[in-house]
Amino acid sequence: MLIVPIVYEDGMMDQVDPQSLQVLIEEEMIVKFQRGEGWVYVGVDPVRTKQRPDYPGPERRHMH
């Protein structure tokens, strides 16, 4: 199982699974997490998030 190092807002370090990481990013509970390339700063570096349900544009992932 993949474990991702993270740093919470209060400076505490931890390790979580990818699913928990997604929740922590969405809830803005962490400052950074580590990828293979190095540390990713939430709110500064690009991170994947769930598509907002109110997205007004076309669904570009749909294949005809």
PDB file of N, CA and C in Angstrom:
ATOM      1  N   MET A   1       0.843  -1.180   0.000  1.00  0.00           N
ATOM      2  CA  MET A   1       0.000   0.000   0.000  1.00  0.00           C
ATOM      3  C   MET A   1       0.886   1.240   0.000  1.00  0.00           C
ATOM      4  N   LEU A   2       0.508   2.221  -0.794  1.00  0.00           N
ATOM      5  CA  LEU A   2       1.247   3.469  -0.899  1.00  0.00           C
ATOM      6  C   LEU A   2       0.960   4.343   0.320  1.00  0.00           C
ATOM      7  N   ILE A   3       2.007   4.883   0.899  1.00  0.00           N
ATOM      8  CA  ILE A   3       1.881   5.782   2.047  1.00  0.00           C
ATOM      9  C   ILE A   3       2.520   7.114   1.658  1.00  0.00           C
ATOM     10  N   VAL A   4       1.822   8.217   1.944  1.00  0.00           N
ATOM     11  CA  VAL A   4       2.273   9.543   1.545  1.00  0.00           C
ATOM     12  C   VAL A   4       2.611  10.369   2.783  1.00  0.00           C
ATOM     13  N   PRO A   5       3.832  10.894   2.886  1.00  0.00           N
ATOM     14  CA  PRO A   5       4.183  11.793   3.989  1.00  0.00           C
ATOM     15  C   PRO A   5       3.446  13.126   3.830  1.00  0.00           C
ATOM     16  N   ILE A   6       2.923  13.657   4.941  1.00  0.00           N
ATOM     17  CA  ILE A   6       2.200  14.929   4.926  1.00  0.00           C
ATOM     18  C   ILE A   6       2.633  15.788   6.113  1.00  0.00           C
ATOM     19  N   VAL A   7       2.317  17.082   6.027  1.00  0.00           N
ATOM     20  CA  VAL A   7       2.522  18.002   7.144  1.00  0.00           C
ATOM     21  C   VAL A   7       1.210  18.759   7.346  1.00  0.00           C
ATOM     22  N   TYR A   8       0.664  18.656   8.564  1.00  0.00           N
ATOM     23  CA  TYR A   8      -0.567  19.358   8.917  1.00  0.00           C
ATOM     24  C   TYR A   8      -0.303  20.843   9.130  1.00  0.00           C
ATOM     25  N   GLU A   9      -1.377  21.623   9.230  1.00  0.00           N
ATOM     26  CA  GLU A   9      -1.311  23.066   9.474  1.00  0.00           C
ATOM     27  C   GLU A   9      -0.487  23.404  10.713  1.00  0.00           C
ATOM     28  N   ASP A  10      -0.542  22.554  11.741  1.00  0.00           N
ATOM     29  CA  ASP A  10       0.169  22.839  12.996  1.00  0.00           C
ATOM     30  C   ASP A  10       1.627  22.368  12.991  1.00  0.00           C
ATOM     31  N   GLY A  11       2.093  21.847  11.844  1.00  0.00           N
ATOM     32  CA  GLY A  11       3.475  21.415  11.725  1.00  0.00           C
ATOM     33  C   GLY A  11       3.708  19.942  12.012  1.00  0.00           C
ATOM     34  N   MET A  12       2.706  19.254  12.509  1.00  0.00           N
ATOM     35  CA  MET A  12       2.839  17.819  12.789  1.00  0.00           C
ATOM     36  C   MET A  12       2.969  17.038  11.486  1.00  0.00           C
ATOM     37  N   MET A  13       3.875  16.068  11.494  1.00  0.00           N
ATOM     38  CA  MET A  13       4.062  15.209  10.327  1.00  0.00           C
ATOM     39  C   MET A  13       3.304  13.905  10.532  1.00  0.00           C
ATOM     40  N   ASP A  14       2.896  13.300   9.417  1.00  0.00           N
ATOM     41  CA  ASP A  14       2.154  12.048   9.464  1.00  0.00           C
ATOM     42  C   ASP A  14       2.344  11.353   8.122  1.00  0.00           C
ATOM     43  N   GLN A  15       1.791  10.163   8.006  1.00  0.00           N
ATOM     44  CA  GLN A  15       1.782   9.423   6.758  1.00  0.00           C
ATOM     45  C   GLN A  15       0.381   8.884   6.559  1.00  0.00           C
ATOM     46  N   VAL A  16      -0.164   9.061   5.357  1.00  0.00           N
ATOM     47  CA  VAL A  16      -1.538   8.642   5.081  1.00  0.00           C
ATOM     48  C   VAL A  16      -1.604   7.904   3.751  1.00  0.00           C
ATOM     49  N   ASP A  17      -2.705   7.213   3.524  1.00  0.00           N
ATOM     50  CA  ASP A  17      -2.944   6.560   2.246  1.00  0.00           C
ATOM     51  C   ASP A  17      -3.476   7.604   1.256  1.00  0.00           C
ATOM     52  N   PRO A  18      -3.427   7.329  -0.051  1.00  0.00           N
ATOM     53  CA  PRO A  18      -3.859   8.308  -1.054  1.00  0.00           C
ATOM     54  C   PRO A  18      -5.305   8.784  -0.899  1.00  0.00           C
ATOM     55  N   GLN A  19      -6.205   7.923  -0.481  1.00  0.00           N
ATOM     56  CA  GLN A  19      -7.604   8.318  -0.313  1.00  0.00           C
ATOM     57  C   GLN A  19      -7.731   9.344   0.812  1.00  0.00           C
ATOM     58  N   SER A  20      -7.043   9.129   1.918  1.00  0.00           N
ATOM     59  CA  SER A  20      -7.053  10.080   3.023  1.00  0.00           C
ATOM     60  C   SER A  20      -6.391  11.389   2.608  1.00  0.00           C
ATOM     61  N   LEU A  21      -5.340  11.304   1.797  1.00  0.00           N
ATOM     62  CA  LEU A  21      -4.672  12.501   1.301  1.00  0.00           C
ATOM     63  C   LEU A  21      -5.650  13.377   0.528  1.00  0.00           C
ATOM     64  N   GLN A  22      -6.442  12.773  -0.325  1.00  0.00           N
ATOM     65  CA  GLN A  22      -7.425  13.524  -1.115  1.00  0.00           C
ATOM     66  C   GLN A  22      -8.383  14.292  -0.208  1.00  0.00           C
ATOM     67  N   VAL A  23      -8.877  13.642   0.820  1.00  0.00           N
ATOM     68  CA  VAL A  23      -9.803  14.281   1.767  1.00  0.00           C
ATOM     69  C   VAL A  23      -9.102  15.432   2.487  1.00  0.00           C
ATOM     70  N   LEU A  24      -7.887  15.223   2.942  1.00  0.00           N
ATOM     71  CA  LEU A  24      -7.143  16.259   3.658  1.00  0.00           C
ATOM     72  C   LEU A  24      -6.877  17.477   2.770  1.00  0.00           C
ATOM     73  N   ILE A  25      -6.596  17.248   1.489  1.00  0.00           N
ATOM     74  CA  ILE A  25      -6.395  18.348   0.549  1.00  0.00           C
ATOM     75  C   ILE A  25      -7.701  19.122   0.377  1.00  0.00           C
ATOM     76  N   GLU A  26      -8.789  18.411   0.134  1.00  0.00           N
ATOM     77  CA  GLU A  26     -10.084  19.055  -0.087  1.00  0.00           C
ATOM     78  C   GLU A  26     -10.561  19.833   1.132  1.00  0.00           C
ATOM     79  N   GLU A  27     -10.253  19.334   2.327  1.00  0.00           N
ATOM     80  CA  GLU A  27     -10.661  19.994   3.566  1.00  0.00           C
ATOM     81  C   GLU A  27      -9.649  21.051   4.027  1.00  0.00           C
ATOM     82  N   GLU A  28      -8.577  21.229   3.231  1.00  0.00           N
ATOM     83  CA  GLU A  28      -7.529  22.216   3.523  1.00  0.00           C
ATOM     84  C   GLU A  28      -6.942  22.032   4.922  1.00  0.00           C
ATOM     85  N   MET A  29      -6.646  20.775   5.262  1.00  0.00           N
ATOM     86  CA  MET A  29      -6.118  20.447   6.584  1.00  0.00           C
ATOM     87  C   MET A  29      -4.607  20.254   6.597  1.00  0.00           C
ATOM     88  N   ILE A  30      -3.978  20.230   5.404  1.00  0.00           N
ATOM     89  CA  ILE A  30      -2.534  20.027   5.361  1.00  0.00           C
ATOM     90  C   ILE A  30      -1.858  21.173   4.611  1.00  0.00           C
ATOM     91  N   VAL A  31      -0.590  21.371   4.916  1.00  0.00           N
ATOM     92  CA  VAL A  31       0.216  22.403   4.278  1.00  0.00           C
ATOM     93  C   VAL A  31       0.921  21.831   3.055  1.00  0.00           C
ATOM     94  N   LYS A  32       1.450  20.610   3.215  1.00  0.00           N
ATOM     95  CA  LYS A  32       2.185  20.003   2.110  1.00  0.00           C
ATOM     96  C   LYS A  32       2.169  18.492   2.220  1.00  0.00           C
ATOM     97  N   PHE A  33       2.483  17.846   1.095  1.00  0.00           N
ATOM     98  CA  PHE A  33       2.655  16.397   1.054  1.00  0.00           C
ATOM     99  C   PHE A  33       3.783  16.091   0.094  1.00  0.00           C
ATOM    100  N   GLN A  34       4.332  14.877   0.205  1.00  0.00           N
ATOM    101  CA  GLN A  34       5.504  14.536  -0.585  1.00  0.00           C
ATOM    102  C   GLN A  34       5.162  13.608  -1.738  1.00  0.00           C
ATOM    103  N   ARG A  35       5.645  13.985  -2.919  1.00  0.00           N
ATOM    104  CA  ARG A  35       5.581  13.146  -4.119  1.00  0.00           C
ATOM    105  C   ARG A  35       6.993  12.668  -4.410  1.00  0.00           C
ATOM    106  N   GLY A  36       7.129  11.843  -5.408  1.00  0.00           N
ATOM    107  CA  GLY A  36       8.446  11.370  -5.796  1.00  0.00           C
ATOM    108  C   GLY A  36       9.400  12.495  -6.175  1.00  0.00           C
ATOM    109  N   GLU A  37       8.853  13.588  -6.741  1.00  0.00           N
ATOM    110  CA  GLU A  37       9.672  14.720  -7.179  1.00  0.00           C
ATOM    111  C   GLU A  37      10.015  15.663  -6.041  1.00  0.00           C
ATOM    112  N   GLY A  38       9.367  15.512  -4.892  1.00  0.00           N
ATOM    113  CA  GLY A  38       9.610  16.398  -3.760  1.00  0.00           C
ATOM    114  C   GLY A  38       8.318  16.829  -3.100  1.00  0.00           C
ATOM    115  N   TRP A  39       8.401  17.859  -2.269  1.00  0.00           N
ATOM    116  CA  TRP A  39       7.244  18.339  -1.522  1.00  0.00           C
ATOM    117  C   TRP A  39       6.332  19.178  -2.401  1.00  0.00           C
ATOM    118  N   VAL A  40       5.026  18.984  -2.226  1.00  0.00           N
ATOM    119  CA  VAL A  40       3.995  19.735  -2.934  1.00  0.00           C
ATOM    120  C   VAL A  40       3.285  20.595  -1.902  1.00  0.00           C
ATOM    121  N   TYR A  41       3.248  21.908  -2.125  1.00  0.00           N
ATOM    122  CA  TYR A  41       2.601  22.843  -1.202  1.00  0.00           C
ATOM    123  C   TYR A  41       1.174  23.093  -1.653  1.00  0.00           C
ATOM    124  N   VAL A  42       0.208  22.725  -0.820  1.00  0.00           N
ATOM    125  CA  VAL A  42      -1.207  22.872  -1.141  1.00  0.00           C
ATOM    126  C   VAL A  42      -1.535  24.363  -1.224  1.00  0.00           C
ATOM    127  N   GLY A  43      -2.210  24.750  -2.309  1.00  0.00           N
ATOM    128  CA  GLY A  43      -2.547  26.146  -2.528  1.00  0.00           C
ATOM    129  C   GLY A  43      -1.486  26.898  -3.306  1.00  0.00           C
ATOM    130  N   VAL A  44      -0.329  26.266  -3.508  1.00  0.00           N
ATOM    131  CA  VAL A  44       0.761  26.891  -4.265  1.00  0.00           C
ATOM    132  C   VAL A  44       1.045  26.058  -5.520  1.00  0.00           C
ATOM    133  N   ASP A  45       1.324  24.788  -5.310  1.00  0.00           N
ATOM    134  CA  ASP A  45       1.622  23.880  -6.415  1.00  0.00           C
ATOM    135  C   ASP A  45       0.328  23.250  -6.935  1.00  0.00           C
ATOM    136  N   PRO A  46       0.317  22.855  -8.220  1.00  0.00           N
ATOM    137  CA  PRO A  46      -0.879  22.205  -8.751  1.00  0.00           C
ATOM    138  C   PRO A  46      -1.126  20.841  -8.101  1.00  0.00           C
ATOM    139  N   VAL A  47      -2.356  20.602  -7.686  1.00  0.00           N
ATOM    140  CA  VAL A  47      -2.759  19.304  -7.140  1.00  0.00           C
ATOM    141  C   VAL A  47      -4.065  18.902  -7.790  1.00  0.00           C
ATOM    142  N   ARG A  48      -4.278  17.620  -7.862  1.00  0.00           N
ATOM    143  CA  ARG A  48      -5.521  17.111  -8.416  1.00  0.00           C
ATOM    144  C   ARG A  48      -6.622  17.212  -7.375  1.00  0.00           C
ATOM    145  N   THR A  49      -7.768  17.713  -7.784  1.00  0.00           N
ATOM    146  CA  THR A  49      -8.927  17.740  -6.900  1.00  0.00           C
ATOM    147  C   THR A  49     -10.126  17.213  -7.668  1.00  0.00           C
ATOM    148  N   LYS A  50     -11.168  16.868  -6.951  1.00  0.00           N
ATOM    149  CA  LYS A  50     -12.381  16.409  -7.608  1.00  0.00           C
ATOM    150  C   LYS A  50     -12.991  17.557  -8.389  1.00  0.00           C
ATOM    151  N   GLN A  51     -13.572  17.215  -9.549  1.00  0.00           N
ATOM    152  CA  GLN A  51     -14.221  18.238 -10.355  1.00  0.00           C
ATOM    153  C   GLN A  51     -15.440  18.759  -9.619  1.00  0.00           C
ATOM    154  N   ARG A  52     -15.583  20.058  -9.599  1.00  0.00           N
ATOM    155  CA  ARG A  52     -16.727  20.665  -8.919  1.00  0.00           C
ATOM    156  C   ARG A  52     -18.006  20.301  -9.653  1.00  0.00           C
ATOM    157  N   PRO A  53     -19.069  19.941  -8.926  1.00  0.00           N
ATOM    158  CA  PRO A  53     -20.318  19.551  -9.586  1.00  0.00           C
ATOM    159  C   PRO A  53     -20.977  20.698 -10.335  1.00  0.00           C
ATOM    160  N   ASP A  54     -20.647  21.953 -10.003  1.00  0.00           N
ATOM    161  CA  ASP A  54     -21.262  23.089 -10.667  1.00  0.00           C
ATOM    162  C   ASP A  54     -20.405  23.625 -11.814  1.00  0.00           C
ATOM    163  N   TYR A  55     -19.495  22.798 -12.316  1.00  0.00           N
ATOM    164  CA  TYR A  55     -18.649  23.199 -13.434  1.00  0.00           C
ATOM    165  C   TYR A  55     -19.527  23.512 -14.638  1.00  0.00           C
ATOM    166  N   PRO A  56     -19.450  24.740 -15.182  1.00  0.00           N
ATOM    167  CA  PRO A  56     -20.357  25.142 -16.258  1.00  0.00           C
ATOM    168  C   PRO A  56     -19.920  24.700 -17.657  1.00  0.00           C
ATOM    169  N   GLY A  57     -18.712  24.231 -17.808  1.00  0.00           N
ATOM    170  CA  GLY A  57     -18.202  23.880 -19.144  1.00  0.00           C
ATOM    171  C   GLY A  57     -18.580  22.480 -19.578  1.00  0.00           C
ATOM    172  N   PRO A  58     -18.157  22.147 -20.794  1.00  0.00           N
ATOM    173  CA  PRO A  58     -18.471  20.808 -21.321  1.00  0.00           C
ATOM    174  C   PRO A  58     -17.617  19.736 -20.658  1.00  0.00           C
ATOM    175  N   GLU A  59     -18.134  18.533 -20.619  1.00  0.00           N
ATOM    176  CA  GLU A  59     -17.397  17.391 -20.094  1.00  0.00           C
ATOM    177  C   GLU A  59     -16.407  16.974 -21.173  1.00  0.00           C
ATOM    178  N   ARG A  60     -15.124  17.241 -20.970  1.00  0.00           N
ATOM    179  CA  ARG A  60     -14.119  16.963 -21.989  1.00  0.00           C
ATOM    180  C   ARG A  60     -13.578  15.546 -21.909  1.00  0.00           C
ATOM    181  N   ARG A  61     -13.860  14.833 -20.835  1.00  0.00           N
ATOM    182  CA  ARG A  61     -13.325  13.475 -20.689  1.00  0.00           C
ATOM    183  C   ARG A  61     -14.190  12.441 -21.394  1.00  0.00           C
ATOM    184  N   HIS A  62     -15.412  12.821 -21.764  1.00  0.00           N
ATOM    185  CA  HIS A  62     -16.349  11.887 -22.382  1.00  0.00           C
ATOM    186  C   HIS A  62     -15.895  11.559 -23.796  1.00  0.00           C
ATOM    187  N   MET A  63     -15.798  10.304 -24.108  1.00  0.00           N
ATOM    188  CA  MET A  63     -15.418   9.863 -25.462  1.00  0.00           C
ATOM    189  C   MET A  63     -16.669   9.471 -26.216  1.00  0.00           C
ATOM    190  N   HIS A  64     -16.809   9.944 -27.437  1.00  0.00           N
ATOM    191  CA  HIS A  64     -17.987   9.621 -28.262  1.00  0.00           C
ATOM    192  C   HIS A  64     -17.820   8.303 -28.952  1.00  0.00           C
TER     193      HIS A  64
END
